[in-house]
Amino acid sequence: MNVSGARPGTCFYEHYKPEKYQTTTSKILASEASEKVIAVPARYRTVTKKILVSNGTERLVKTPAQYKTVRQKVQIAPARTEWKKTKCQDRGCNQSEVVCLIEIPATYKTVTKQVVARPASTRKVTTPPVYKTVQIQELVEPASTRTVPIPATYKTVTSRKKVQNGEYFWTDAGSKNARTRATNQCNKICLTATPAKYNKVSKRVVAKPATTRKVKTPAKYTTVKIKKIIQPASEKRIAIPATYKTITKKRKVADGYAKWVPIVCKSSMTATTIRKVQEALKREGFYHGPIDSIWGASSRAATRAYQKAKGLPVAGLSVATMQSLGIY
């Protein structure tokens, strides 16, 4: 205030000129750019293979002898000479009976008998190996992961910006502005602190990045029975068949493999997500507890039972389980 020219009876009044504000619109970051890891499951194909069930064997088969019927003339008595009484029959004999040396021819008899047409024998019979056709799952492409970038999101907010500060000024009683500004007139100077104004902005940041973990699936085996020769066939006077012993042998039909299984992060296990999982498991008949949005022992047990029933990897609440339940 200018008091150099004041005279007795001049009064000075204090006046306040308020600050001016300007409303502006700006774009702020709502969520930062991040990356999402997507698991690409392994691809398999069904192939048909032949496996050996039993080895080829050899055995001896006895062929019985063959006979034929023949007729043969057999000598019963050989030719001989024998003295016999005979009548003289006027052959210069003076007696009616004489003893003469006569020849008796050999005596024969026709007999029927069986003779060996082909003697008994043995022959070796080879049994070919037996194979079984089975279908197995063969790995075509192993499981992998790929990273998908998630762009940052922005939000438009409206803010108020001060363009001119408020100020105090003095005028005297005789000035021209004293009467027009009587409403802004004060008796004393007050210093008022105007605090800055803030807007609360909610944004999502990555608390825990997406990860993958390796779940090992054990190899599958099929039990087949094969015949293994323990004593080869041999030939004696009589045919002795080979003896066999049945053994059980475990044969690997599929190799074990490790599989990357995407699971739901703990930060994504919201009450809404848990409620949806409980409702879906209850529809499938695996969850019998209350729909309370709490991931407890009953919810985990129902999830494991569902994964075993559907042939899914038992690895917590996986993305594959969510997709199977129709949630994703």
C-alpha atoms as a PDB file:
ATOM      1  CA  MET A   1       0.000   0.000   0.000  1.00  0.00           C
ATOM      2  CA  ASN A   2       1.140   3.471  -0.711  1.00  0.00           C
ATOM      3  CA  VAL A   3       1.103   5.412   2.554  1.00  0.00           C
ATOM      4  CA  SER A   4       3.435   8.220   1.474  1.00  0.00           C
ATOM      5  CA  GLY A   5       0.593  10.455   0.343  1.00  0.00           C
ATOM      6  CA  ALA A   6      -1.876   9.451   3.049  1.00  0.00           C
ATOM      7  CA  ARG A   7      -3.490  12.094   5.042  1.00  0.00           C
ATOM      8  CA  PRO A   8      -5.154  11.932   8.383  1.00  0.00           C
ATOM      9  CA  GLY A   9      -8.524  10.182   8.065  1.00  0.00           C
ATOM     10  CA  THR A  10      -7.492   8.049   5.025  1.00  0.00           C
ATOM     11  CA  CYS A  11      -8.355   4.466   5.391  1.00  0.00           C
ATOM     12  CA  PHE A  12      -6.900   1.448   3.558  1.00  0.00           C
ATOM     13  CA  TYR A  13      -8.778  -1.695   2.888  1.00  0.00           C
ATOM     14  CA  GLU A  14      -7.459  -5.108   2.064  1.00  0.00           C
ATOM     15  CA  HIS A  15      -9.011  -6.972  -0.877  1.00  0.00           C
ATOM     16  CA  TYR A  16      -8.530 -10.536  -2.248  1.00  0.00           C
ATOM     17  CA  LYS A  17      -8.503 -11.523  -5.904  1.00  0.00           C
ATOM     18  CA  PRO A  18      -9.266 -15.313  -6.220  1.00  0.00           C
ATOM     19  CA  GLU A  19      -7.116 -17.764  -8.246  1.00  0.00           C
ATOM     20  CA  LYS A  20      -8.102 -19.005 -11.683  1.00  0.00           C
ATOM     21  CA  TYR A  21      -8.253 -22.689 -12.772  1.00  0.00           C
ATOM     22  CA  GLN A  22      -8.286 -24.437 -16.133  1.00  0.00           C
ATOM     23  CA  THR A  23      -9.738 -27.911 -16.742  1.00  0.00           C
ATOM     24  CA  THR A  24      -7.507 -30.191 -18.874  1.00  0.00           C
ATOM     25  CA  THR A  25      -7.883 -33.758 -20.159  1.00  0.00           C
ATOM     26  CA  SER A  26      -4.856 -36.097 -20.261  1.00  0.00           C
ATOM     27  CA  LYS A  27      -4.134 -39.780 -20.922  1.00  0.00           C
ATOM     28  CA  ILE A  28      -2.420 -41.728 -18.109  1.00  0.00           C
ATOM     29  CA  LEU A  29      -1.061 -45.281 -17.940  1.00  0.00           C
ATOM     30  CA  ALA A  30      -3.678 -47.724 -16.598  1.00  0.00           C
ATOM     31  CA  SER A  31      -1.655 -50.939 -16.855  1.00  0.00           C
ATOM     32  CA  GLU A  32       1.921 -51.467 -17.909  1.00  0.00           C
ATOM     33  CA  ALA A  33       2.929 -53.546 -20.892  1.00  0.00           C
ATOM     34  CA  SER A  34       3.645 -57.170 -19.968  1.00  0.00           C
ATOM     35  CA  GLU A  35       4.057 -60.622 -21.464  1.00  0.00           C
ATOM     36  CA  LYS A  36       1.929 -63.743 -21.203  1.00  0.00           C
ATOM     37  CA  VAL A  37       3.425 -67.212 -21.493  1.00  0.00           C
ATOM     38  CA  ILE A  38       1.211 -69.663 -23.369  1.00  0.00           C
ATOM     39  CA  ALA A  39       1.940 -73.378 -23.129  1.00  0.00           C
ATOM     40  CA  VAL A  40       1.720 -75.281 -26.402  1.00  0.00           C
ATOM     41  CA  PRO A  41       0.892 -78.937 -25.560  1.00  0.00           C
ATOM     42  CA  ALA A  42       2.771 -81.802 -27.128  1.00  0.00           C
ATOM     43  CA  ARG A  43       1.322 -83.484 -30.226  1.00  0.00           C
ATOM     44  CA  TYR A  44       0.978 -87.222 -30.482  1.00  0.00           C
ATOM     45  CA  ARG A  45      -0.061 -89.677 -33.135  1.00  0.00           C
ATOM     46  CA  THR A  46      -1.406 -93.190 -32.839  1.00  0.00           C
ATOM     47  CA  VAL A  47       0.790 -95.788 -34.553  1.00  0.00           C
ATOM     48  CA  THR A  48       0.261 -99.500 -34.954  1.00  0.00           C
ATOM     49  CA  LYS A  49       3.157-101.798 -34.085  1.00  0.00           C
ATOM     50  CA  LYS A  50       3.676-105.556 -34.022  1.00  0.00           C
ATOM     51  CA  ILE A  51       5.168-106.994 -30.853  1.00  0.00           C
ATOM     52  CA  LEU A  52       6.430-110.540 -30.311  1.00  0.00           C
ATOM     53  CA  VAL A  53       4.104-112.566 -28.086  1.00  0.00           C
ATOM     54  CA  SER A  54       5.815-115.975 -28.373  1.00  0.00           C
ATOM     55  CA  ASN A  55       8.986-117.138 -30.076  1.00  0.00           C
ATOM     56  CA  GLY A  56       9.006-119.743 -32.809  1.00  0.00           C
ATOM     57  CA  THR A  57       9.342-123.314 -31.459  1.00  0.00           C
ATOM     58  CA  GLU A  58      10.288-126.738 -32.768  1.00  0.00           C
ATOM     59  CA  ARG A  59       8.688-130.070 -31.838  1.00  0.00           C
ATOM     60  CA  LEU A  60       9.013-133.640 -32.973  1.00  0.00           C
ATOM     61  CA  VAL A  61       5.959-135.378 -34.423  1.00  0.00           C
ATOM     62  CA  LYS A  62       5.926-139.171 -34.457  1.00  0.00           C
ATOM     63  CA  THR A  63       4.760-140.816 -37.668  1.00  0.00           C
ATOM     64  CA  PRO A  64       3.509-144.359 -36.929  1.00  0.00           C
ATOM     65  CA  ALA A  65       4.650-147.334 -39.001  1.00  0.00           C
ATOM     66  CA  GLN A  66       2.546-148.367 -41.972  1.00  0.00           C
ATOM     67  CA  TYR A  67       1.778-152.016 -42.630  1.00  0.00           C
ATOM     68  CA  LYS A  68       0.498-154.044 -45.577  1.00  0.00           C
ATOM     69  CA  THR A  69      -1.077-157.471 -45.812  1.00  0.00           C
ATOM     70  CA  VAL A  70       0.739-160.077 -47.941  1.00  0.00           C
ATOM     71  CA  ARG A  71       0.036-163.755 -48.735  1.00  0.00           C
ATOM     72  CA  GLN A  72       3.010-166.069 -48.500  1.00  0.00           C
ATOM     73  CA  LYS A  73       3.502-169.769 -49.120  1.00  0.00           C
ATOM     74  CA  VAL A  74       5.198-171.294 -46.121  1.00  0.00           C
ATOM     75  CA  GLN A  75       6.805-174.723 -46.106  1.00  0.00           C
ATOM     76  CA  ILE A  76       5.322-176.839 -43.380  1.00  0.00           C
ATOM     77  CA  ALA A  77       7.320-179.958 -43.978  1.00  0.00           C
ATOM     78  CA  PRO A  78      10.316-180.490 -46.302  1.00  0.00           C
ATOM     79  CA  ALA A  79      10.471-183.139 -49.029  1.00  0.00           C
ATOM     80  CA  ARG A  80      11.570-186.538 -47.750  1.00  0.00           C
ATOM     81  CA  THR A  81      11.740-190.220 -48.515  1.00  0.00           C
ATOM     82  CA  GLU A  82       9.884-192.697 -46.462  1.00  0.00           C
ATOM     83  CA  TRP A  83       9.472-196.497 -46.431  1.00  0.00           C
ATOM     84  CA  LYS A  84       5.869-197.467 -46.738  1.00  0.00           C
ATOM     85  CA  LYS A  85       3.956-200.680 -47.208  1.00  0.00           C
ATOM     86  CA  THR A  86       2.317-200.947 -50.560  1.00  0.00           C
ATOM     87  CA  LYS A  87       0.662-203.644 -52.697  1.00  0.00           C
ATOM     88  CA  CYS A  88       2.817-205.381 -55.216  1.00  0.00           C
ATOM     89  CA  GLN A  89       0.282-205.102 -57.954  1.00  0.00           C
ATOM     90  CA  ASP A  90       1.853-207.872 -60.055  1.00  0.00           C
ATOM     91  CA  ARG A  91       5.239-206.257 -60.209  1.00  0.00           C
ATOM     92  CA  GLY A  92       7.118-209.480 -59.861  1.00  0.00           C
ATOM     93  CA  CYS A  93       6.415-209.668 -56.257  1.00  0.00           C
ATOM     94  CA  ASN A  94       5.620-212.927 -54.734  1.00  0.00           C
ATOM     95  CA  GLN A  95       3.968-211.324 -51.830  1.00  0.00           C
ATOM     96  CA  SER A  96       0.873-209.230 -51.759  1.00  0.00           C
ATOM     97  CA  GLU A  97       2.482-206.453 -49.789  1.00  0.00           C
ATOM     98  CA  VAL A  98       5.979-204.977 -49.895  1.00  0.00           C
ATOM     99  CA  VAL A  99       7.782-202.099 -48.308  1.00  0.00           C
ATOM    100  CA  CYS A 100       8.835-199.468 -50.844  1.00  0.00           C
ATOM    101  CA  LEU A 101      10.973-196.319 -50.504  1.00  0.00           C
ATOM    102  CA  ILE A 102       8.786-193.490 -51.737  1.00  0.00           C
ATOM    103  CA  GLU A 103       9.386-189.742 -52.038  1.00  0.00           C
ATOM    104  CA  ILE A 104       7.087-187.477 -50.111  1.00  0.00           C
ATOM    105  CA  PRO A 105       7.077-183.955 -51.545  1.00  0.00           C
ATOM    106  CA  ALA A 106       7.403-180.870 -49.349  1.00  0.00           C
ATOM    107  CA  THR A 107       4.251-179.595 -47.759  1.00  0.00           C
ATOM    108  CA  TYR A 108       3.342-175.911 -48.097  1.00  0.00           C
ATOM    109  CA  LYS A 109       0.725-173.654 -46.528  1.00  0.00           C
ATOM    110  CA  THR A 110      -0.448-170.250 -47.683  1.00  0.00           C
ATOM    111  CA  VAL A 111      -0.512-167.770 -44.799  1.00  0.00           C
ATOM    112  CA  THR A 112      -1.570-164.128 -44.598  1.00  0.00           C
ATOM    113  CA  LYS A 113       0.539-161.709 -42.559  1.00  0.00           C
ATOM    114  CA  GLN A 114       1.207-157.993 -42.110  1.00  0.00           C
ATOM    115  CA  VAL A 115       4.598-156.637 -42.973  1.00  0.00           C
ATOM    116  CA  VAL A 116       6.043-153.141 -42.452  1.00  0.00           C
ATOM    117  CA  ALA A 117       5.495-151.091 -45.543  1.00  0.00           C
ATOM    118  CA  ARG A 118       7.027-147.925 -44.007  1.00  0.00           C
ATOM    119  CA  PRO A 119       8.792-147.950 -40.650  1.00  0.00           C
ATOM    120  CA  ALA A 120       7.841-145.522 -37.858  1.00  0.00           C
ATOM    121  CA  SER A 121       9.682-142.210 -37.947  1.00  0.00           C
ATOM    122  CA  THR A 122       9.754-138.756 -36.391  1.00  0.00           C
ATOM    123  CA  ARG A 123       9.749-135.405 -38.092  1.00  0.00           C
ATOM    124  CA  LYS A 124      10.534-131.909 -36.807  1.00  0.00           C
ATOM    125  CA  VAL A 125       7.675-129.399 -36.961  1.00  0.00           C
ATOM    126  CA  THR A 126       8.532-125.701 -36.639  1.00  0.00           C
ATOM    127  CA  THR A 127       5.950-123.362 -35.097  1.00  0.00           C
ATOM    128  CA  PRO A 128       6.341-119.796 -36.389  1.00  0.00           C
ATOM    129  CA  PRO A 129       6.597-116.895 -33.876  1.00  0.00           C
ATOM    130  CA  VAL A 130       3.335-115.233 -32.849  1.00  0.00           C
ATOM    131  CA  TYR A 131       2.997-111.454 -33.029  1.00  0.00           C
ATOM    132  CA  LYS A 132       0.378-109.108 -31.639  1.00  0.00           C
ATOM    133  CA  THR A 133      -0.663-105.801 -33.184  1.00  0.00           C
ATOM    134  CA  VAL A 134      -1.011-102.981 -30.639  1.00  0.00           C
ATOM    135  CA  GLN A 135      -1.640 -99.263 -30.921  1.00  0.00           C
ATOM    136  CA  ILE A 136       0.625 -96.864 -29.027  1.00  0.00           C
ATOM    137  CA  GLN A 137       0.897 -93.090 -28.719  1.00  0.00           C
ATOM    138  CA  GLU A 138       4.054 -91.738 -30.359  1.00  0.00           C
ATOM    139  CA  LEU A 139       5.386 -88.241 -29.649  1.00  0.00           C
ATOM    140  CA  VAL A 140       5.353 -86.087 -32.781  1.00  0.00           C
ATOM    141  CA  GLU A 141       6.201 -82.676 -31.331  1.00  0.00           C
ATOM    142  CA  PRO A 142       7.249 -82.032 -27.704  1.00  0.00           C
ATOM    143  CA  ALA A 143       5.487 -79.507 -25.523  1.00  0.00           C
ATOM    144  CA  SER A 144       6.740 -75.922 -25.789  1.00  0.00           C
ATOM    145  CA  THR A 145       5.880 -72.396 -24.732  1.00  0.00           C
ATOM    146  CA  ARG A 146       5.408 -69.139 -26.576  1.00  0.00           C
ATOM    147  CA  THR A 147       5.364 -65.604 -25.234  1.00  0.00           C
ATOM    148  CA  VAL A 148       2.575 -63.213 -26.229  1.00  0.00           C
ATOM    149  CA  PRO A 149       3.194 -59.498 -25.539  1.00  0.00           C
ATOM    150  CA  ILE A 150       0.368 -57.652 -23.756  1.00  0.00           C
ATOM    151  CA  PRO A 151       0.366 -53.940 -24.706  1.00  0.00           C
ATOM    152  CA  ALA A 152       0.009 -51.227 -22.082  1.00  0.00           C
ATOM    153  CA  THR A 153      -3.445 -49.743 -21.546  1.00  0.00           C
ATOM    154  CA  TYR A 154      -4.185 -46.078 -20.931  1.00  0.00           C
ATOM    155  CA  LYS A 155      -6.987 -44.186 -19.235  1.00  0.00           C
ATOM    156  CA  THR A 156      -8.243 -40.694 -19.986  1.00  0.00           C
ATOM    157  CA  VAL A 157      -8.654 -38.542 -16.855  1.00  0.00           C
ATOM    158  CA  THR A 158      -9.802 -34.952 -16.371  1.00  0.00           C
ATOM    159  CA  SER A 159      -7.731 -32.727 -14.051  1.00  0.00           C
ATOM    160  CA  ARG A 160      -7.961 -29.157 -12.840  1.00  0.00           C
ATOM    161  CA  LYS A 161      -4.885 -26.962 -13.222  1.00  0.00           C
ATOM    162  CA  LYS A 162      -4.287 -23.614 -11.586  1.00  0.00           C
ATOM    163  CA  VAL A 163      -3.388 -20.957 -14.145  1.00  0.00           C
ATOM    164  CA  GLN A 164      -3.357 -17.863 -11.849  1.00  0.00           C
ATOM    165  CA  ASN A 165      -2.737 -17.669  -8.109  1.00  0.00           C
ATOM    166  CA  GLY A 166      -4.985 -15.689  -5.811  1.00  0.00           C
ATOM    167  CA  GLU A 167      -3.551 -12.377  -4.541  1.00  0.00           C
ATOM    168  CA  TYR A 168      -4.171  -9.782  -1.924  1.00  0.00           C
ATOM    169  CA  PHE A 169      -4.037  -6.068  -2.650  1.00  0.00           C
ATOM    170  CA  TRP A 170      -4.739  -2.929  -0.737  1.00  0.00           C
ATOM    171  CA  THR A 171      -6.812   0.025  -1.681  1.00  0.00           C
ATOM    172  CA  ASP A 172      -7.514   3.132   0.230  1.00  0.00           C
ATOM    173  CA  ALA A 173     -10.947   4.499   1.135  1.00  0.00           C
ATOM    174  CA  GLY A 174     -10.887   7.221  -1.457  1.00  0.00           C
ATOM    175  CA  SER A 175      -9.928   5.027  -4.403  1.00  0.00           C
ATOM    176  CA  LYS A 176     -12.337   4.180  -7.181  1.00  0.00           C
ATOM    177  CA  ASN A 177     -12.216   0.389  -6.559  1.00  0.00           C
ATOM    178  CA  ALA A 178     -12.923   0.631  -2.829  1.00  0.00           C
ATOM    179  CA  ARG A 179     -16.700   0.918  -3.256  1.00  0.00           C
ATOM    180  CA  THR A 180     -17.008  -1.620  -6.085  1.00  0.00           C
ATOM    181  CA  ARG A 181     -15.054  -4.272  -4.168  1.00  0.00           C
ATOM    182  CA  ALA A 182     -16.673  -3.805  -0.791  1.00  0.00           C
ATOM    183  CA  THR A 183     -17.801  -7.453  -0.812  1.00  0.00           C
ATOM    184  CA  ASN A 184     -14.156  -8.676  -1.008  1.00  0.00           C
ATOM    185  CA  GLN A 185     -13.066  -6.300   1.740  1.00  0.00           C
ATOM    186  CA  CYS A 186     -11.170  -7.761   4.710  1.00  0.00           C
ATOM    187  CA  ASN A 187      -9.929  -6.380   8.009  1.00  0.00           C
ATOM    188  CA  LYS A 188      -6.776  -8.444   8.145  1.00  0.00           C
ATOM    189  CA  ILE A 189      -4.496 -10.393   5.912  1.00  0.00           C
ATOM    190  CA  CYS A 190      -4.948 -14.235   6.064  1.00  0.00           C
ATOM    191  CA  LEU A 191      -2.553 -16.590   4.465  1.00  0.00           C
ATOM    192  CA  THR A 192      -4.562 -19.647   3.297  1.00  0.00           C
ATOM    193  CA  ALA A 193      -2.849 -22.850   2.147  1.00  0.00           C
ATOM    194  CA  THR A 194      -4.706 -24.524  -0.679  1.00  0.00           C
ATOM    195  CA  PRO A 195      -3.659 -28.214  -0.804  1.00  0.00           C
ATOM    196  CA  ALA A 196      -2.995 -29.978  -4.062  1.00  0.00           C
ATOM    197  CA  LYS A 197      -5.794 -32.162  -5.399  1.00  0.00           C
ATOM    198  CA  TYR A 198      -5.282 -35.764  -6.423  1.00  0.00           C
ATOM    199  CA  ASN A 199      -7.317 -38.350  -8.234  1.00  0.00           C
ATOM    200  CA  LYS A 200      -7.120 -42.004  -7.280  1.00  0.00           C
ATOM    201  CA  VAL A 201      -6.272 -44.136 -10.335  1.00  0.00           C
ATOM    202  CA  SER A 202      -6.476 -47.918 -10.165  1.00  0.00           C
ATOM    203  CA  LYS A 203      -4.180 -49.863 -12.405  1.00  0.00           C
ATOM    204  CA  ARG A 204      -3.118 -53.509 -12.716  1.00  0.00           C
ATOM    205  CA  VAL A 205       0.541 -54.410 -12.546  1.00  0.00           C
ATOM    206  CA  VAL A 206       2.173 -57.814 -12.900  1.00  0.00           C
ATOM    207  CA  ALA A 207       2.505 -59.208  -9.368  1.00  0.00           C
ATOM    208  CA  LYS A 208       3.848 -62.546 -10.526  1.00  0.00           C
ATOM    209  CA  PRO A 209       4.731 -63.273 -14.169  1.00  0.00           C
ATOM    210  CA  ALA A 210       3.269 -66.302 -15.897  1.00  0.00           C
ATOM    211  CA  THR A 211       5.359 -69.435 -15.438  1.00  0.00           C
ATOM    212  CA  THR A 212       5.374 -73.010 -16.564  1.00  0.00           C
ATOM    213  CA  ARG A 213       6.432 -76.106 -14.703  1.00  0.00           C
ATOM    214  CA  LYS A 214       7.388 -79.507 -15.959  1.00  0.00           C
ATOM    215  CA  VAL A 215       5.113 -82.403 -14.973  1.00  0.00           C
ATOM    216  CA  LYS A 216       6.524 -85.847 -15.622  1.00  0.00           C
ATOM    217  CA  THR A 217       4.104 -88.431 -16.970  1.00  0.00           C
ATOM    218  CA  PRO A 218       5.277 -91.995 -16.175  1.00  0.00           C
ATOM    219  CA  ALA A 219       5.841 -94.512 -18.941  1.00  0.00           C
ATOM    220  CA  LYS A 220       3.041 -96.966 -19.723  1.00  0.00           C
ATOM    221  CA  TYR A 221       3.586-100.687 -19.870  1.00  0.00           C
ATOM    222  CA  THR A 222       1.543-103.591 -21.186  1.00  0.00           C
ATOM    223  CA  THR A 223       1.943-107.067 -19.749  1.00  0.00           C
ATOM    224  CA  VAL A 224       2.124-109.772 -22.412  1.00  0.00           C
ATOM    225  CA  LYS A 225       2.670-113.499 -22.056  1.00  0.00           C
ATOM    226  CA  ILE A 226       5.307-115.142 -24.229  1.00  0.00           C
ATOM    227  CA  LYS A 227       6.535-118.707 -24.486  1.00  0.00           C
ATOM    228  CA  LYS A 228      10.214-119.256 -23.993  1.00  0.00           C
ATOM    229  CA  ILE A 229      11.864-122.546 -24.871  1.00  0.00           C
ATOM    230  CA  ILE A 230      13.748-124.047 -21.936  1.00  0.00           C
ATOM    231  CA  GLN A 231      14.545-127.463 -23.453  1.00  0.00           C
ATOM    232  CA  PRO A 232      14.898-128.219 -27.160  1.00  0.00           C
ATOM    233  CA  ALA A 233      13.077-131.192 -28.669  1.00  0.00           C
ATOM    234  CA  SER A 234      15.117-134.377 -29.045  1.00  0.00           C
ATOM    235  CA  GLU A 235      14.677-137.652 -30.846  1.00  0.00           C
ATOM    236  CA  LYS A 236      14.821-140.977 -29.061  1.00  0.00           C
ATOM    237  CA  ARG A 237      13.402-144.434 -29.635  1.00  0.00           C
ATOM    238  CA  ILE A 238      10.046-142.915 -28.811  1.00  0.00           C
ATOM    239  CA  ALA A 239       8.965-139.348 -29.489  1.00  0.00           C
ATOM    240  CA  ILE A 240       9.472-137.093 -26.442  1.00  0.00           C
ATOM    241  CA  PRO A 241       7.636-133.798 -26.909  1.00  0.00           C
ATOM    242  CA  ALA A 242       9.341-130.583 -25.873  1.00  0.00           C
ATOM    243  CA  THR A 243       8.282-129.087 -22.545  1.00  0.00           C
ATOM    244  CA  TYR A 244       7.524-125.422 -22.184  1.00  0.00           C
ATOM    245  CA  LYS A 245       7.356-123.032 -19.330  1.00  0.00           C
ATOM    246  CA  THR A 246       5.145-119.916 -19.421  1.00  0.00           C
ATOM    247  CA  ILE A 247       6.798-116.812 -18.020  1.00  0.00           C
ATOM    248  CA  THR A 248       5.377-113.312 -17.605  1.00  0.00           C
ATOM    249  CA  LYS A 249       7.498-110.568 -19.042  1.00  0.00           C
ATOM    250  CA  LYS A 250       6.974-106.798 -18.727  1.00  0.00           C
ATOM    251  CA  ARG A 251       7.574-104.987 -22.001  1.00  0.00           C
ATOM    252  CA  LYS A 252       7.684-101.238 -22.428  1.00  0.00           C
ATOM    253  CA  VAL A 253       5.238-100.057 -25.088  1.00  0.00           C
ATOM    254  CA  ALA A 254       5.500 -96.284 -24.552  1.00  0.00           C
ATOM    255  CA  ASP A 255       8.322 -94.058 -23.354  1.00  0.00           C
ATOM    256  CA  GLY A 256       7.824 -91.707 -20.431  1.00  0.00           C
ATOM    257  CA  TYR A 257       7.791 -88.022 -21.230  1.00  0.00           C
ATOM    258  CA  ALA A 258       7.839 -84.673 -19.469  1.00  0.00           C
ATOM    259  CA  LYS A 259       5.017 -82.296 -20.184  1.00  0.00           C
ATOM    260  CA  TRP A 260       4.660 -78.603 -19.566  1.00  0.00           C
ATOM    261  CA  VAL A 261       1.262 -77.928 -17.993  1.00  0.00           C
ATOM    262  CA  PRO A 262       0.004 -74.318 -17.615  1.00  0.00           C
ATOM    263  CA  ILE A 263      -1.687 -73.751 -14.246  1.00  0.00           C
ATOM    264  CA  VAL A 264      -3.767 -70.905 -12.856  1.00  0.00           C
ATOM    265  CA  CYS A 265      -1.603 -68.462 -10.866  1.00  0.00           C
ATOM    266  CA  LYS A 266      -2.444 -67.847  -7.229  1.00  0.00           C
ATOM    267  CA  SER A 267      -3.094 -64.179  -7.979  1.00  0.00           C
ATOM    268  CA  SER A 268      -5.814 -65.198 -10.467  1.00  0.00           C
ATOM    269  CA  MET A 269      -7.614 -67.418  -7.935  1.00  0.00           C
ATOM    270  CA  THR A 270     -10.309 -64.888  -7.196  1.00  0.00           C
ATOM    271  CA  ALA A 271     -13.526 -65.655  -5.356  1.00  0.00           C
ATOM    272  CA  THR A 272     -15.433 -65.510  -8.657  1.00  0.00           C
ATOM    273  CA  THR A 273     -13.069 -68.005 -10.313  1.00  0.00           C
ATOM    274  CA  ILE A 274     -13.247 -70.422  -7.351  1.00  0.00           C
ATOM    275  CA  ARG A 275     -17.047 -70.198  -7.334  1.00  0.00           C
ATOM    276  CA  LYS A 276     -17.209 -71.043 -11.043  1.00  0.00           C
ATOM    277  CA  VAL A 277     -14.892 -74.047 -10.524  1.00  0.00           C
ATOM    278  CA  GLN A 278     -16.978 -75.316  -7.579  1.00  0.00           C
ATOM    279  CA  GLU A 279     -20.217 -74.967  -9.548  1.00  0.00           C
ATOM    280  CA  ALA A 280     -18.724 -76.764 -12.585  1.00  0.00           C
ATOM    281  CA  LEU A 281     -17.346 -79.617 -10.427  1.00  0.00           C
ATOM    282  CA  LYS A 282     -20.710 -79.976  -8.700  1.00  0.00           C
ATOM    283  CA  ARG A 283     -22.456 -80.243 -12.083  1.00  0.00           C
ATOM    284  CA  GLU A 284     -20.017 -83.004 -13.040  1.00  0.00           C
ATOM    285  CA  GLY A 285     -20.737 -84.833  -9.752  1.00  0.00           C
ATOM    286  CA  PHE A 286     -17.259 -84.499  -8.194  1.00  0.00           C
ATOM    287  CA  TYR A 287     -17.809 -81.702  -5.648  1.00  0.00           C
ATOM    288  CA  HIS A 288     -20.286 -82.133  -2.799  1.00  0.00           C
ATOM    289  CA  GLY A 289     -19.367 -79.208  -0.545  1.00  0.00           C
ATOM    290  CA  PRO A 290     -20.871 -75.717  -0.272  1.00  0.00           C
ATOM    291  CA  ILE A 291     -20.375 -73.040  -2.948  1.00  0.00           C
ATOM    292  CA  ASP A 292     -18.400 -70.752  -0.638  1.00  0.00           C
ATOM    293  CA  SER A 293     -15.657 -69.425  -3.004  1.00  0.00           C
ATOM    294  CA  ILE A 294     -12.997 -70.934  -0.681  1.00  0.00           C
ATOM    295  CA  TRP A 295     -10.276 -73.080  -2.245  1.00  0.00           C
ATOM    296  CA  GLY A 296     -10.173 -75.691   0.516  1.00  0.00           C
ATOM    297  CA  ALA A 297      -9.353 -79.399   0.828  1.00  0.00           C
ATOM    298  CA  SER A 298     -12.709 -80.530  -0.588  1.00  0.00           C
ATOM    299  CA  SER A 299     -12.287 -78.334  -3.687  1.00  0.00           C
ATOM    300  CA  ARG A 300      -8.733 -79.613  -4.300  1.00  0.00           C
ATOM    301  CA  ALA A 301      -9.810 -83.256  -3.813  1.00  0.00           C
ATOM    302  CA  ALA A 302     -12.715 -82.827  -6.244  1.00  0.00           C
ATOM    303  CA  THR A 303     -10.334 -81.254  -8.812  1.00  0.00           C
ATOM    304  CA  ARG A 304      -7.880 -84.172  -8.534  1.00  0.00           C
ATOM    305  CA  ALA A 305     -10.706 -86.723  -8.886  1.00  0.00           C
ATOM    306  CA  TYR A 306     -12.009 -84.918 -11.996  1.00  0.00           C
ATOM    307  CA  GLN A 307      -8.525 -84.803 -13.567  1.00  0.00           C
ATOM    308  CA  LYS A 308      -7.998 -88.548 -13.002  1.00  0.00           C
ATOM    309  CA  ALA A 309     -11.437 -89.360 -14.431  1.00  0.00           C
ATOM    310  CA  LYS A 310     -10.849 -87.222 -17.553  1.00  0.00           C
ATOM    311  CA  GLY A 311      -7.246 -88.368 -18.108  1.00  0.00           C
ATOM    312  CA  LEU A 312      -5.810 -84.898 -17.405  1.00  0.00           C
ATOM    313  CA  PRO A 313      -2.451 -84.310 -15.664  1.00  0.00           C
ATOM    314  CA  VAL A 314      -2.937 -84.055 -11.900  1.00  0.00           C
ATOM    315  CA  ALA A 315      -1.190 -80.696 -11.444  1.00  0.00           C
ATOM    316  CA  GLY A 316      -3.392 -78.410  -9.374  1.00  0.00           C
ATOM    317  CA  LEU A 317      -5.950 -76.197 -11.090  1.00  0.00           C
ATOM    318  CA  SER A 318      -4.470 -76.279 -14.592  1.00  0.00           C
ATOM    319  CA  VAL A 319      -5.655 -74.334 -17.612  1.00  0.00           C
ATOM    320  CA  ALA A 320      -6.553 -77.643 -19.306  1.00  0.00           C
ATOM    321  CA  THR A 321      -8.860 -78.458 -16.360  1.00  0.00           C
ATOM    322  CA  MET A 322     -10.539 -75.045 -16.640  1.00  0.00           C
ATOM    323  CA  GLN A 323     -11.058 -75.567 -20.360  1.00  0.00           C
ATOM    324  CA  SER A 324     -12.442 -79.067 -19.774  1.00  0.00           C
ATOM    325  CA  LEU A 325     -14.924 -77.643 -17.248  1.00  0.00           C
ATOM    326  CA  GLY A 326     -15.999 -75.036 -19.803  1.00  0.00           C
ATOM    327  CA  ILE A 327     -14.817 -72.058 -17.734  1.00  0.00           C
ATOM    328  CA  TYR A 328     -12.200 -70.742 -20.211  1.00  0.00           C
END
